[in-house]
Amino acid sequence: MCFSEPVSFVAGGVLVAGGAFASFKAWEINKRYLPIALMPVMSGVQQLMEGYVWMGMNSGNSSMVWWAAMGFIFFSWLIWPIWIPFGVYVLEPPESPRKKVFLYLALAGSALGLALYIPHVLNPDWINVVINKDSLAYEGTMLLDYLIPRWLTYTIYIFFIIAPPLMSHYLHMRFFGLTLIVIVSVVYIFLVYAYISFFCLLAGIGTIHLIYIILRNKCCRECPALFS
């Protein structure tokens, strides 16, 4: 989490535990829920990685800062543009005309994620973590900076995160998409000085919405044949 090492580890632990419980319930209720049930788990692991970034920053251990930051952006840049469209794809009814769209978005998200993440593996100096207003800011270079403005990269990235839930057949997944819009708006208005860190924190908290959807089996209301 942005604020401190202990809070990062506590938040990560809570999300991992909540996501693990949701995954267990998804296995019992309907395995279609599993991809979205794993999202709180992955968000928790991401927050644990940021805890290690704080630990490295506080101790002056540049090696720890680098590998922990790589772990953090592994989720932010590579996993989320793939996993969110994929999770919505798995959840979508087989007869839905949008199901193939979600698969194509997941494949396109794979290309975006690889373009954002792999260059940092090959160029370790592109990672530059700083503390800004008692928060972590990841100000590294991106490959796409040489092709398009950074704001456009963020816009494309946000599209892959928000569009699939908003396009879902299920009302409560569309509500989750609205939750993400609120999160993006809050970060843009108030917390842009540590954009990626705050967005991943609040989005991680937002995945609690997914736990609610699974535990209450909300998709059953619209597709009883699939979720009864």
Protein backbone atom coordinates (compact mmCIF):
# COMPACT_ATOMS: atom_id res chain seq x y z
CA MET A 1 0.00 0.00 0.00
CA CYS A 2 1.12 3.54 -0.62
CA PHE A 3 1.29 4.71 2.96
CA SER A 4 3.70 2.44 4.84
CA GLU A 5 5.31 -0.96 5.05
CA PRO A 6 3.06 -2.38 7.84
CA VAL A 7 -0.14 -1.23 6.18
CA SER A 8 0.95 -2.81 2.89
CA PHE A 9 1.50 -6.17 4.53
CA VAL A 10 -1.78 -6.01 6.48
CA ALA A 11 -3.77 -5.04 3.38
CA GLY A 12 -2.06 -7.75 1.36
CA GLY A 13 -2.82 -10.38 4.00
CA VAL A 14 -6.48 -9.39 4.25
CA LEU A 15 -6.96 -9.48 0.47
CA VAL A 16 -5.19 -12.84 0.09
CA ALA A 17 -7.30 -14.35 2.88
CA GLY A 18 -10.55 -12.90 1.49
CA GLY A 19 -9.70 -14.01 -2.03
CA ALA A 20 -8.78 -17.51 -0.86
CA PHE A 21 -12.16 -17.83 0.87
CA ALA A 22 -13.92 -16.51 -2.25
CA SER A 23 -12.01 -19.02 -4.39
CA PHE A 24 -13.11 -21.85 -2.11
CA LYS A 25 -16.73 -20.71 -2.37
CA ALA A 26 -16.40 -20.28 -6.14
CA TRP A 27 -15.25 -23.90 -6.39
CA GLU A 28 -18.37 -24.93 -4.45
CA ILE A 29 -20.89 -22.62 -6.15
CA ASN A 30 -19.71 -22.47 -9.76
CA LYS A 31 -16.21 -22.72 -11.19
CA ARG A 32 -17.02 -19.93 -13.66
CA TYR A 33 -16.41 -17.59 -10.73
CA LEU A 34 -12.83 -18.80 -10.17
CA PRO A 35 -10.97 -16.27 -12.38
CA ILE A 36 -12.64 -13.30 -10.68
CA ALA A 37 -12.32 -14.99 -7.26
CA LEU A 38 -8.55 -15.06 -7.75
CA MET A 39 -8.38 -11.31 -8.37
CA PRO A 40 -8.43 -10.36 -4.64
CA VAL A 41 -5.68 -12.95 -4.06
CA MET A 42 -3.52 -11.44 -6.78
CA SER A 43 -4.27 -7.92 -5.53
CA GLY A 44 -3.13 -9.06 -2.09
CA VAL A 45 0.12 -10.48 -3.43
CA GLN A 46 0.66 -7.20 -5.27
CA GLN A 47 0.23 -5.25 -2.04
CA LEU A 48 2.69 -7.61 -0.30
CA MET A 49 5.19 -6.81 -3.06
CA GLU A 50 4.72 -3.12 -2.35
CA GLY A 51 5.38 -3.86 1.31
CA TYR A 52 8.79 -5.18 0.27
CA VAL A 53 9.33 -2.07 -1.86
CA TRP A 54 8.81 -0.02 1.30
CA MET A 55 11.14 -2.32 3.20
CA GLY A 56 13.84 -1.84 0.59
CA MET A 57 13.33 1.93 0.49
CA ASN A 58 13.48 2.21 4.28
CA SER A 59 16.62 0.10 4.54
CA GLY A 60 18.37 1.53 1.48
CA ASN A 61 18.42 -1.90 -0.17
CA SER A 62 18.26 -1.07 -3.89
CA SER A 63 18.22 -4.74 -4.90
CA MET A 64 15.09 -5.38 -2.80
CA VAL A 65 13.44 -2.25 -4.20
CA TRP A 66 14.05 -3.49 -7.75
CA TRP A 67 12.77 -7.06 -7.43
CA ALA A 68 9.81 -6.01 -5.29
CA ALA A 69 8.92 -3.22 -7.73
CA MET A 70 9.15 -5.73 -10.58
CA GLY A 71 6.77 -7.97 -8.63
CA PHE A 72 4.40 -5.05 -8.12
CA ILE A 73 4.35 -3.94 -11.76
CA PHE A 74 4.09 -7.58 -12.89
CA PHE A 75 0.51 -7.38 -11.69
CA SER A 76 -0.20 -3.73 -12.55
CA TRP A 77 1.18 -3.77 -16.10
CA LEU A 78 1.11 -7.41 -17.23
CA ILE A 79 -1.56 -9.32 -15.34
CA TRP A 80 -4.52 -6.94 -15.01
CA PRO A 81 -5.00 -6.06 -18.73
CA ILE A 82 -5.13 -9.80 -19.40
CA TRP A 83 -6.90 -11.23 -16.38
CA ILE A 84 -9.85 -8.87 -16.14
CA PRO A 85 -11.04 -9.45 -19.73
CA PHE A 86 -10.32 -13.17 -19.29
CA GLY A 87 -12.32 -13.34 -16.05
CA VAL A 88 -15.30 -11.65 -17.70
CA TYR A 89 -14.92 -13.97 -20.71
CA VAL A 90 -15.13 -17.09 -18.52
CA LEU A 91 -18.15 -15.71 -16.66
CA GLU A 92 -20.06 -14.69 -19.80
CA PRO A 93 -22.84 -17.05 -20.98
CA PRO A 94 -21.81 -19.22 -23.98
CA GLU A 95 -24.55 -17.75 -26.19
CA SER A 96 -23.54 -14.13 -25.49
CA PRO A 97 -22.39 -12.28 -28.64
CA ARG A 98 -19.90 -10.40 -26.45
CA LYS A 99 -18.05 -13.52 -25.28
CA LYS A 100 -15.65 -13.51 -28.27
CA VAL A 101 -15.07 -9.79 -27.75
CA PHE A 102 -13.81 -10.47 -24.23
CA LEU A 103 -11.46 -13.16 -25.55
CA TYR A 104 -10.07 -10.74 -28.14
CA LEU A 105 -9.65 -8.10 -25.43
CA ALA A 106 -7.73 -10.59 -23.30
CA LEU A 107 -5.42 -11.36 -26.23
CA ALA A 108 -4.95 -7.66 -26.98
CA GLY A 109 -4.36 -7.05 -23.28
CA SER A 110 -1.62 -9.68 -23.43
CA ALA A 111 0.15 -7.69 -26.13
CA LEU A 112 -0.21 -4.47 -24.14
CA GLY A 113 0.94 -6.09 -20.91
CA LEU A 114 4.01 -7.63 -22.51
CA ALA A 115 4.90 -4.29 -24.12
CA LEU A 116 4.62 -2.57 -20.73
CA TYR A 117 6.40 -5.18 -18.59
CA ILE A 118 9.08 -7.03 -20.57
CA PRO A 119 11.17 -3.90 -21.37
CA HIS A 120 11.59 -3.35 -17.62
CA VAL A 121 13.01 -6.86 -17.27
CA LEU A 122 15.51 -6.09 -20.01
CA ASN A 123 16.27 -2.56 -18.76
CA PRO A 124 16.47 -2.59 -14.94
CA ASP A 125 17.38 1.12 -14.87
CA TRP A 126 13.91 1.93 -16.22
CA ILE A 127 12.55 1.28 -12.72
CA ASN A 128 12.75 4.42 -10.60
CA VAL A 129 10.79 4.26 -7.35
CA VAL A 130 10.59 7.46 -5.31
CA ILE A 131 8.69 8.56 -2.21
CA ASN A 132 6.33 11.41 -3.06
CA LYS A 133 4.14 12.89 -0.30
CA ASP A 134 4.74 9.82 1.89
CA SER A 135 3.59 7.59 -0.97
CA LEU A 136 5.39 5.42 -3.50
CA ALA A 137 5.59 6.66 -7.08
CA TYR A 138 6.84 4.45 -9.91
CA GLU A 139 8.30 6.95 -12.32
CA GLY A 140 10.18 4.61 -14.64
CA THR A 141 10.49 4.79 -18.41
CA MET A 142 8.09 2.84 -20.60
CA LEU A 143 8.72 1.48 -24.09
CA LEU A 144 5.51 3.10 -25.31
CA ASP A 145 6.86 6.50 -24.21
CA TYR A 146 8.86 6.45 -27.44
CA LEU A 147 5.70 5.96 -29.49
CA ILE A 148 2.79 7.71 -27.76
CA PRO A 149 2.25 10.16 -24.86
CA ARG A 150 2.07 8.65 -21.38
CA TRP A 151 -1.53 9.84 -20.90
CA LEU A 152 -2.56 7.80 -23.94
CA THR A 153 -0.84 4.70 -22.54
CA TYR A 154 -2.79 5.14 -19.31
CA THR A 155 -6.03 5.64 -21.26
CA ILE A 156 -5.54 2.42 -23.25
CA TYR A 157 -4.62 0.57 -20.06
CA ILE A 158 -7.70 1.81 -18.21
CA PHE A 159 -9.86 0.76 -21.16
CA PHE A 160 -8.71 -2.86 -20.82
CA ILE A 161 -9.41 -2.74 -17.08
CA ILE A 162 -12.84 -1.10 -17.11
CA ALA A 163 -14.50 -1.89 -20.46
CA PRO A 164 -14.93 -5.67 -19.98
CA PRO A 165 -16.89 -5.45 -16.69
CA LEU A 166 -19.01 -2.63 -18.10
CA MET A 167 -19.85 -4.77 -21.14
CA SER A 168 -20.68 -7.89 -19.12
CA HIS A 169 -24.02 -9.64 -19.41
CA TYR A 170 -24.33 -9.52 -15.62
CA LEU A 171 -25.66 -6.48 -13.83
CA HIS A 172 -23.39 -6.85 -10.80
CA MET A 173 -20.28 -7.12 -12.97
CA ARG A 174 -21.36 -3.86 -14.60
CA PHE A 175 -21.65 -2.42 -11.10
CA PHE A 176 -18.06 -3.57 -10.50
CA GLY A 177 -17.08 -1.65 -13.65
CA LEU A 178 -18.70 1.44 -12.12
CA THR A 179 -16.70 0.82 -8.94
CA LEU A 180 -13.53 0.92 -11.04
CA ILE A 181 -14.63 4.18 -12.70
CA VAL A 182 -15.07 5.77 -9.27
CA ILE A 183 -11.61 4.53 -8.24
CA VAL A 184 -9.97 5.93 -11.39
CA SER A 185 -11.74 9.28 -10.87
CA VAL A 186 -10.66 9.56 -7.22
CA VAL A 187 -7.06 8.73 -8.09
CA TYR A 188 -7.01 11.18 -11.00
CA ILE A 189 -8.51 14.04 -8.96
CA PHE A 190 -6.79 13.59 -5.61
CA LEU A 191 -3.93 11.09 -5.82
CA VAL A 192 -2.29 11.50 -9.22
CA TYR A 193 1.13 12.12 -7.60
CA ALA A 194 1.37 8.35 -6.97
CA TYR A 195 -1.02 7.22 -9.68
CA ILE A 196 -0.14 3.55 -10.17
CA SER A 197 0.35 2.82 -6.49
CA PHE A 198 -2.94 4.38 -5.40
CA PHE A 199 -4.88 2.91 -8.31
CA CYS A 200 -3.70 -0.61 -7.50
CA LEU A 201 -4.43 -0.10 -3.80
CA LEU A 202 -7.99 1.14 -4.33
CA ALA A 203 -8.66 -1.38 -7.10
CA GLY A 204 -7.48 -4.10 -4.72
CA ILE A 205 -9.96 -2.89 -2.13
CA GLY A 206 -12.54 -2.72 -4.91
CA THR A 207 -12.15 -6.47 -5.53
CA ILE A 208 -14.05 -6.97 -2.26
CA HIS A 209 -17.04 -6.19 -4.49
CA LEU A 210 -16.21 -9.36 -6.43
CA ILE A 211 -16.16 -11.40 -3.21
CA TYR A 212 -19.68 -10.13 -2.51
CA ILE A 213 -20.82 -11.14 -6.03
CA ILE A 214 -19.47 -14.66 -5.54
CA LEU A 215 -20.71 -15.25 -2.00
CA ARG A 216 -24.22 -14.07 -2.90
CA ASN A 217 -24.10 -15.88 -6.29
CA LYS A 218 -25.40 -12.74 -7.96
CA CYS A 219 -25.02 -14.11 -11.49
CA CYS A 220 -27.63 -16.79 -10.74
CA ARG A 221 -30.36 -14.16 -10.89
CA GLU A 222 -29.70 -13.52 -14.59
CA CYS A 223 -28.49 -16.96 -15.69
CA PRO A 224 -30.12 -19.58 -13.43
CA ALA A 225 -29.38 -22.34 -15.93
CA LEU A 226 -25.64 -21.72 -15.53
CA PHE A 227 -25.40 -20.74 -11.85
CA SER A 228 -28.11 -22.71 -10.03
